[in-house]
Amino acid sequence: MNEGHIEIRATFDVLKLLGRRFYELLQELPSLGMRSVHLKMCIDMEEAGKDYRMYCETLLNTVSGY
C-alpha cells in the first residue's frame, strides 16, 4: 500500500480459494483509503483444465463489481 494505491499479485488460484471473499475484500478497500487497485494475476493454462469458466466468471464479476 502506497499513498492510496495497492497492487495485488497472485495466481488465479486465489480466486478459487477465496471466491466471494476476494470480491468482498476488494469492495472494502475504498473505505480504507484506497484510490486504486492493480491486479496482476497469472495462470498455468495446462493446470487450469476444466476450471477456465470459473476463473473467467469470477474475474469478470470481481472487475465489474469493483
C-alpha atoms as a PDB file:
ATOM      1  CA  MET A   1       0.000   0.000   0.000  1.00  0.00           C
ATOM      2  CA  ASN A   2       1.466   3.334  -1.021  1.00  0.00           C
ATOM      3  CA  GLU A   3      -0.409   6.649  -0.886  1.00  0.00           C
ATOM      4  CA  GLY A   4      -3.798   5.074  -1.515  1.00  0.00           C
ATOM      5  CA  HIS A   5      -2.653   2.598  -4.146  1.00  0.00           C
ATOM      6  CA  ILE A   6      -2.363  -1.158  -3.762  1.00  0.00           C
ATOM      7  CA  GLU A   7      -1.056  -3.858  -6.068  1.00  0.00           C
ATOM      8  CA  ILE A   8      -2.149  -7.457  -5.613  1.00  0.00           C
ATOM      9  CA  ARG A   9      -0.009 -10.146  -7.233  1.00  0.00           C
ATOM     10  CA  ALA A  10      -1.348 -13.668  -7.097  1.00  0.00           C
ATOM     11  CA  THR A  11      -2.109 -16.752  -9.090  1.00  0.00           C
ATOM     12  CA  PHE A  12      -5.656 -17.326 -10.250  1.00  0.00           C
ATOM     13  CA  ASP A  13      -5.939 -19.997  -7.570  1.00  0.00           C
ATOM     14  CA  VAL A  14      -6.629 -17.183  -5.103  1.00  0.00           C
ATOM     15  CA  LEU A  15      -9.956 -16.691  -6.905  1.00  0.00           C
ATOM     16  CA  LYS A  16     -10.786 -20.360  -6.498  1.00  0.00           C
ATOM     17  CA  LEU A  17      -9.705 -20.499  -2.859  1.00  0.00           C
ATOM     18  CA  LEU A  18     -11.277 -17.243  -1.686  1.00  0.00           C
ATOM     19  CA  GLY A  19     -14.132 -16.874  -4.183  1.00  0.00           C
ATOM     20  CA  ARG A  20     -16.634 -14.297  -2.980  1.00  0.00           C
ATOM     21  CA  ARG A  21     -14.395 -13.304  -0.050  1.00  0.00           C
ATOM     22  CA  PHE A  22     -11.835 -11.935  -2.541  1.00  0.00           C
ATOM     23  CA  TYR A  23     -14.567  -9.831  -4.159  1.00  0.00           C
ATOM     24  CA  GLU A  24     -15.689  -8.594  -0.712  1.00  0.00           C
ATOM     25  CA  LEU A  25     -12.094  -7.641   0.143  1.00  0.00           C
ATOM     26  CA  LEU A  26     -11.873  -5.509  -2.989  1.00  0.00           C
ATOM     27  CA  GLN A  27     -15.181  -3.861  -2.091  1.00  0.00           C
ATOM     28  CA  GLU A  28     -13.783  -2.821   1.317  1.00  0.00           C
ATOM     29  CA  LEU A  29     -10.574  -1.235   0.011  1.00  0.00           C
ATOM     30  CA  PRO A  30     -12.048   2.194  -0.875  1.00  0.00           C
ATOM     31  CA  SER A  31     -13.299   2.622   2.697  1.00  0.00           C
ATOM     32  CA  LEU A  32      -9.714   2.010   3.847  1.00  0.00           C
ATOM     33  CA  GLY A  33      -8.445   4.907   1.747  1.00  0.00           C
ATOM     34  CA  MET A  34      -7.509   3.005  -1.395  1.00  0.00           C
ATOM     35  CA  ARG A  35      -7.852   5.064  -4.565  1.00  0.00           C
ATOM     36  CA  SER A  36      -6.673   2.414  -6.994  1.00  0.00           C
ATOM     37  CA  VAL A  37      -6.166  -1.338  -7.055  1.00  0.00           C
ATOM     38  CA  HIS A  38      -3.966  -3.120  -9.583  1.00  0.00           C
ATOM     39  CA  LEU A  39      -4.425  -6.856 -10.020  1.00  0.00           C
ATOM     40  CA  LYS A  40      -1.577  -8.832 -11.532  1.00  0.00           C
ATOM     41  CA  MET A  41      -2.529 -12.444 -11.876  1.00  0.00           C
ATOM     42  CA  CYS A  42      -1.135 -15.473 -13.659  1.00  0.00           C
ATOM     43  CA  ILE A  43      -2.425 -18.911 -14.505  1.00  0.00           C
ATOM     44  CA  ASP A  44      -0.900 -22.167 -15.685  1.00  0.00           C
ATOM     45  CA  MET A  45      -3.212 -22.928 -18.614  1.00  0.00           C
ATOM     46  CA  GLU A  46      -2.374 -26.644 -18.617  1.00  0.00           C
ATOM     47  CA  GLU A  47      -3.176 -26.955 -14.912  1.00  0.00           C
ATOM     48  CA  ALA A  48      -6.397 -24.935 -15.153  1.00  0.00           C
ATOM     49  CA  GLY A  49      -8.114 -27.674 -17.147  1.00  0.00           C
ATOM     50  CA  LYS A  50     -11.884 -27.568 -16.737  1.00  0.00           C
ATOM     51  CA  ASP A  51     -11.821 -24.523 -14.446  1.00  0.00           C
ATOM     52  CA  TYR A  52     -11.497 -21.969 -17.282  1.00  0.00           C
ATOM     53  CA  ARG A  53     -15.128 -20.928 -16.954  1.00  0.00           C
ATOM     54  CA  MET A  54     -14.934 -20.484 -13.164  1.00  0.00           C
ATOM     55  CA  TYR A  55     -11.796 -18.343 -13.460  1.00  0.00           C
ATOM     56  CA  CYS A  56     -13.306 -16.214 -16.199  1.00  0.00           C
ATOM     57  CA  GLU A  57     -16.643 -15.704 -14.416  1.00  0.00           C
ATOM     58  CA  THR A  58     -15.008 -14.901 -11.086  1.00  0.00           C
ATOM     59  CA  LEU A  59     -12.577 -12.420 -12.616  1.00  0.00           C
ATOM     60  CA  LEU A  60     -15.283 -10.696 -14.648  1.00  0.00           C
ATOM     61  CA  ASN A  61     -17.604 -10.484 -11.634  1.00  0.00           C
ATOM     62  CA  THR A  62     -14.797  -9.085  -9.494  1.00  0.00           C
ATOM     63  CA  VAL A  63     -13.742  -6.455 -12.013  1.00  0.00           C
ATOM     64  CA  SER A  64     -17.269  -5.422 -12.987  1.00  0.00           C
ATOM     65  CA  GLY A  65     -18.364  -5.239  -9.351  1.00  0.00           C
ATOM     66  CA  TYR A  66     -15.419  -3.089  -8.354  1.00  0.00           C
END
